[in-house]
């Protein structure tokens, strides 16, 4: 593992990142062809929070949070700290003191592909975190790692400056170079869903709106009156 801290990674335009903050993770994932999902077991420690921000990535040794300390210096307004480890780790690598420092720097939140602790204090602080584990066990600060290098979570590569979209459903990564295209597709999907929602409120059925009756017929599904129907 290369032990390096890369400074000043390229970031998308701030207005592009902010536009993602009002779009759901599910919508973004669908707009990207159902890709970018960081996994169903990476869960929020809070509810009712939706954020988007640019990645500051950390590759740490399991049970060692030295490189998180190093990464905080590289974080700024609108960033999201994204931490993973060389091999699976459950230790509580992130807690209230880290969040306090990041909150002071205007960081939007954190994604911890390991353990987190001080969850009540994090909620009280209003600093949103998505984590794989909640664990009171602490860490050491002995082993070098890397900051702002490409990392991988759940088979998805995350590079510094990529956009993370996070809500109650989970987290999705939008590659920086694709951000404008994905944003346009996400907005178009929202518009389409708004029209469908309005149609459903008027009583239209999904079977008809999506043209699924012929599909049912082609699959051999038939309608028959229930034998006990009046």
Protein backbone atom coordinates (compact mmCIF):
# COMPACT_ATOMS: atom_id res chain seq x y z
CA UNK A 1 0.00 0.00 0.00
CA UNK A 2 1.39 3.38 -0.99
CA UNK A 3 1.64 5.71 2.00
CA UNK A 4 0.84 9.13 0.60
CA UNK A 5 -1.37 12.16 1.23
CA UNK A 6 -2.52 13.77 -2.00
CA UNK A 7 -3.48 17.42 -1.65
CA UNK A 8 -5.86 19.62 -3.65
CA UNK A 9 -7.75 16.98 -5.66
CA UNK A 10 -10.03 18.30 -8.41
CA UNK A 11 -13.66 18.78 -7.39
CA UNK A 12 -16.83 19.34 -9.44
CA UNK A 13 -18.50 22.73 -9.51
CA UNK A 14 -20.12 23.53 -6.16
CA UNK A 15 -23.52 24.15 -7.76
CA UNK A 16 -23.44 20.65 -9.30
CA UNK A 17 -22.71 19.04 -5.94
CA UNK A 18 -25.40 21.08 -4.18
CA UNK A 19 -27.97 20.08 -6.80
CA UNK A 20 -27.51 16.43 -5.84
CA UNK A 21 -28.34 17.18 -2.20
CA UNK A 22 -32.06 17.30 -2.96
CA UNK A 23 -32.12 14.09 -5.02
CA UNK A 24 -32.66 10.66 -3.47
CA UNK A 25 -30.01 7.95 -3.57
CA UNK A 26 -32.43 5.58 -5.28
CA UNK A 27 -33.08 8.12 -8.05
CA UNK A 28 -29.36 8.68 -8.61
CA UNK A 29 -28.68 4.95 -8.70
CA UNK A 30 -31.42 4.37 -11.25
CA UNK A 31 -30.14 7.28 -13.34
CA UNK A 32 -26.72 5.57 -13.44
CA UNK A 33 -28.17 2.28 -14.59
CA UNK A 34 -28.46 0.84 -11.06
CA UNK A 35 -24.79 1.30 -10.29
CA UNK A 36 -22.85 3.24 -7.66
CA UNK A 37 -24.52 1.70 -4.61
CA UNK A 38 -22.13 1.24 -1.67
CA UNK A 39 -24.13 -1.65 -0.22
CA UNK A 40 -27.16 -2.34 1.92
CA UNK A 41 -25.17 -2.82 5.13
CA UNK A 42 -23.65 0.67 5.07
CA UNK A 43 -26.33 2.37 7.12
CA UNK A 44 -27.06 5.86 8.54
CA UNK A 45 -26.80 6.35 12.29
CA UNK A 46 -29.55 9.00 11.99
CA UNK A 47 -32.82 9.31 10.11
CA UNK A 48 -34.29 12.01 7.92
CA UNK A 49 -30.98 13.38 6.61
CA UNK A 50 -30.03 13.76 2.95
CA UNK A 51 -26.65 15.16 1.91
CA UNK A 52 -24.30 15.27 -1.05
CA UNK A 53 -20.63 16.19 -1.04
CA UNK A 54 -17.22 15.58 -2.56
CA UNK A 55 -15.09 12.69 -1.37
CA UNK A 56 -11.95 13.00 0.69
CA UNK A 57 -10.83 9.37 0.75
CA UNK A 58 -8.90 7.54 3.46
CA UNK A 59 -7.29 4.11 3.26
CA UNK A 60 -6.42 3.00 6.79
CA UNK A 61 -5.06 -0.07 8.48
CA UNK A 62 -7.73 -2.06 10.39
CA UNK A 63 -8.13 -0.79 13.93
CA UNK A 64 -5.92 2.24 13.29
CA UNK A 65 -7.26 5.75 12.72
CA UNK A 66 -3.97 7.61 12.24
CA UNK A 67 -4.83 8.51 8.65
CA UNK A 68 -8.21 9.96 9.63
CA UNK A 69 -6.32 12.51 11.71
CA UNK A 70 -4.17 13.25 8.66
CA UNK A 71 -7.18 13.50 6.35
CA UNK A 72 -9.01 16.15 8.37
CA UNK A 73 -6.47 18.73 7.22
CA UNK A 74 -7.47 17.96 3.61
CA UNK A 75 -11.22 18.41 4.24
CA UNK A 76 -13.13 21.58 3.53
CA UNK A 77 -16.68 22.92 3.11
CA UNK A 78 -18.94 20.55 1.21
CA UNK A 79 -16.64 17.54 1.49
CA UNK A 80 -17.56 14.10 2.83
CA UNK A 81 -14.90 12.04 4.59
CA UNK A 82 -14.88 8.47 3.22
CA UNK A 83 -12.89 5.89 5.19
CA UNK A 84 -12.14 2.26 4.41
CA UNK A 85 -9.55 -0.22 5.65
CA UNK A 86 -7.14 -2.64 4.01
CA UNK A 87 -9.17 -5.55 5.37
CA UNK A 88 -12.51 -5.67 7.22
CA UNK A 89 -12.55 -3.85 10.54
CA UNK A 90 -15.26 -3.43 13.17
CA UNK A 91 -13.47 -1.10 15.59
CA UNK A 92 -14.99 2.28 16.36
CA UNK A 93 -12.61 4.30 14.21
CA UNK A 94 -14.70 7.50 14.21
CA UNK A 95 -16.51 9.41 16.94
CA UNK A 96 -17.53 12.76 18.38
CA UNK A 97 -14.11 14.41 18.48
CA UNK A 98 -13.42 13.70 14.82
CA UNK A 99 -16.89 14.97 13.95
CA UNK A 100 -16.35 18.15 15.96
CA UNK A 101 -13.21 18.97 13.96
CA UNK A 102 -14.88 18.18 10.65
CA UNK A 103 -18.04 20.10 11.53
CA UNK A 104 -15.91 23.15 12.30
CA UNK A 105 -14.39 22.90 8.81
CA UNK A 106 -17.78 22.79 7.08
CA UNK A 107 -17.63 19.11 6.17
CA UNK A 108 -21.02 17.69 5.21
CA UNK A 109 -20.68 14.23 6.80
CA UNK A 110 -18.72 11.00 6.92
CA UNK A 111 -18.90 7.48 5.50
CA UNK A 112 -17.06 4.89 7.59
CA UNK A 113 -16.56 1.44 6.06
CA UNK A 114 -15.78 0.14 9.55
CA UNK A 115 -17.06 1.00 13.03
CA UNK A 116 -18.33 4.25 14.51
CA UNK A 117 -19.06 5.19 18.13
CA UNK A 118 -20.47 8.16 20.10
CA UNK A 119 -23.57 7.87 17.96
CA UNK A 120 -25.83 9.87 20.29
CA UNK A 121 -23.27 12.67 20.47
CA UNK A 122 -22.96 12.64 16.67
CA UNK A 123 -26.72 13.01 16.33
CA UNK A 124 -26.76 15.77 18.93
CA UNK A 125 -24.02 17.56 16.99
CA UNK A 126 -26.02 17.21 13.79
CA UNK A 127 -23.11 15.56 11.98
CA UNK A 128 -24.45 12.79 9.72
CA UNK A 129 -22.57 9.50 9.44
CA UNK A 130 -23.10 6.31 7.46
CA UNK A 131 -21.22 3.31 8.86
CA UNK A 132 -20.93 -0.45 8.54
CA UNK A 133 -20.72 -1.12 12.29
CA UNK A 134 -21.39 0.55 15.62
CA UNK A 135 -18.71 -0.48 18.09
CA UNK A 136 -17.32 1.04 21.28
CA UNK A 137 -13.91 -0.60 20.77
CA UNK A 138 -11.27 2.05 20.06
CA UNK A 139 -8.22 2.12 17.82
CA UNK A 140 -4.48 2.81 17.80
CA UNK A 141 -2.59 5.43 15.79
CA UNK A 142 0.49 3.60 14.57
CA UNK A 143 0.19 2.54 10.93
CA UNK A 144 0.59 4.68 7.81
CA UNK A 145 -1.99 4.66 5.06
CA UNK A 146 -3.13 6.99 2.31
CA UNK A 147 -5.39 10.00 1.77
CA UNK A 148 -7.14 11.06 -1.45
CA UNK A 149 -6.21 7.90 -3.35
CA UNK A 150 -8.81 5.69 -5.07
CA UNK A 151 -10.48 3.31 -2.62
CA UNK A 152 -13.11 0.59 -3.03
CA UNK A 153 -16.28 -0.07 -1.04
CA UNK A 154 -18.68 -2.85 -2.06
CA UNK A 155 -16.99 -3.13 -5.44
CA UNK A 156 -17.43 0.57 -6.18
CA UNK A 157 -14.32 2.69 -6.76
CA UNK A 158 -14.35 6.08 -5.04
CA UNK A 159 -11.75 8.67 -5.95
CA UNK A 160 -11.09 12.01 -4.33
CA UNK A 161 -13.51 14.59 -5.71
CA UNK A 162 -16.21 12.08 -6.66
CA UNK A 163 -19.69 12.97 -5.42
CA UNK A 164 -21.34 10.96 -2.64
CA UNK A 165 -25.12 11.12 -2.32
CA UNK A 166 -26.43 9.89 1.04
CA UNK A 167 -29.85 9.47 2.64
CA UNK A 168 -31.88 6.98 4.68
CA UNK A 169 -31.63 4.42 1.85
CA UNK A 170 -27.83 4.35 1.83
CA UNK A 171 -25.02 5.87 -0.23
CA UNK A 172 -24.23 6.13 -3.94
CA UNK A 173 -21.04 7.38 -5.58
CA UNK A 174 -21.15 9.54 -8.72
CA UNK A 175 -17.80 9.69 -10.56
CA UNK A 176 -16.62 13.28 -10.82
CA UNK A 177 -16.24 13.15 -14.60
CA UNK A 178 -19.84 11.92 -14.99
CA UNK A 179 -21.44 14.34 -12.52
CA UNK A 180 -23.17 16.70 -14.98
CA UNK A 181 -24.56 13.84 -17.07
CA UNK A 182 -25.83 11.93 -14.03
CA UNK A 183 -27.38 15.10 -12.62
CA UNK A 184 -29.30 15.74 -15.84
CA UNK A 185 -30.53 12.14 -15.94
CA UNK A 186 -31.51 12.27 -12.26
CA UNK A 187 -33.53 15.46 -12.76
CA UNK A 188 -35.25 13.94 -15.80
CA UNK A 189 -36.12 10.88 -13.73
CA UNK A 190 -37.55 13.06 -10.96
CA UNK A 191 -39.72 14.88 -13.52
CA UNK A 192 -40.95 11.56 -14.90
CA UNK A 193 -41.74 10.27 -11.41
CA UNK A 194 -43.63 13.48 -10.61
CA UNK A 195 -45.85 12.93 -13.64
CA UNK A 196 -46.43 9.30 -12.64
CA UNK A 197 -47.23 10.31 -9.06
CA UNK A 198 -49.83 12.77 -10.34
CA UNK A 199 -51.36 10.05 -12.53
CA UNK A 200 -51.56 7.63 -9.60
CA UNK A 201 -53.27 10.31 -7.51
CA UNK A 202 -55.88 10.52 -10.29
CA UNK A 203 -56.44 6.77 -10.02
CA UNK A 204 -54.39 5.42 -12.92
CA UNK A 205 -52.88 1.98 -12.31
CA UNK A 206 -49.27 1.05 -12.83
CA UNK A 207 -50.46 -1.91 -14.92
CA UNK A 208 -51.81 0.54 -17.48
CA UNK A 209 -49.29 3.36 -17.20
CA UNK A 210 -46.35 0.99 -17.65
CA UNK A 211 -48.08 -1.16 -20.24
CA UNK A 212 -47.80 -4.33 -18.17
CA UNK A 213 -51.10 -6.01 -19.07
CA UNK A 214 -49.66 -7.45 -22.30
CA UNK A 215 -46.68 -8.66 -20.29
CA UNK A 216 -48.93 -10.56 -17.92
CA UNK A 217 -50.79 -12.05 -20.88
CA UNK A 218 -47.57 -13.10 -22.60
CA UNK A 219 -46.48 -14.84 -19.41
CA UNK A 220 -49.69 -16.84 -19.25
CA UNK A 221 -51.29 -14.96 -16.36
CA UNK A 222 -55.08 -15.15 -16.58
CA UNK A 223 -57.96 -13.52 -14.73
CA UNK A 224 -60.69 -15.68 -13.20
CA UNK A 225 -63.50 -14.72 -10.85
CA UNK A 226 -62.99 -16.03 -7.31
CA UNK A 227 -65.28 -19.01 -6.72
CA UNK A 228 -66.66 -17.47 -3.53
CA UNK A 229 -67.30 -14.06 -5.05
CA UNK A 230 -70.84 -12.83 -4.56
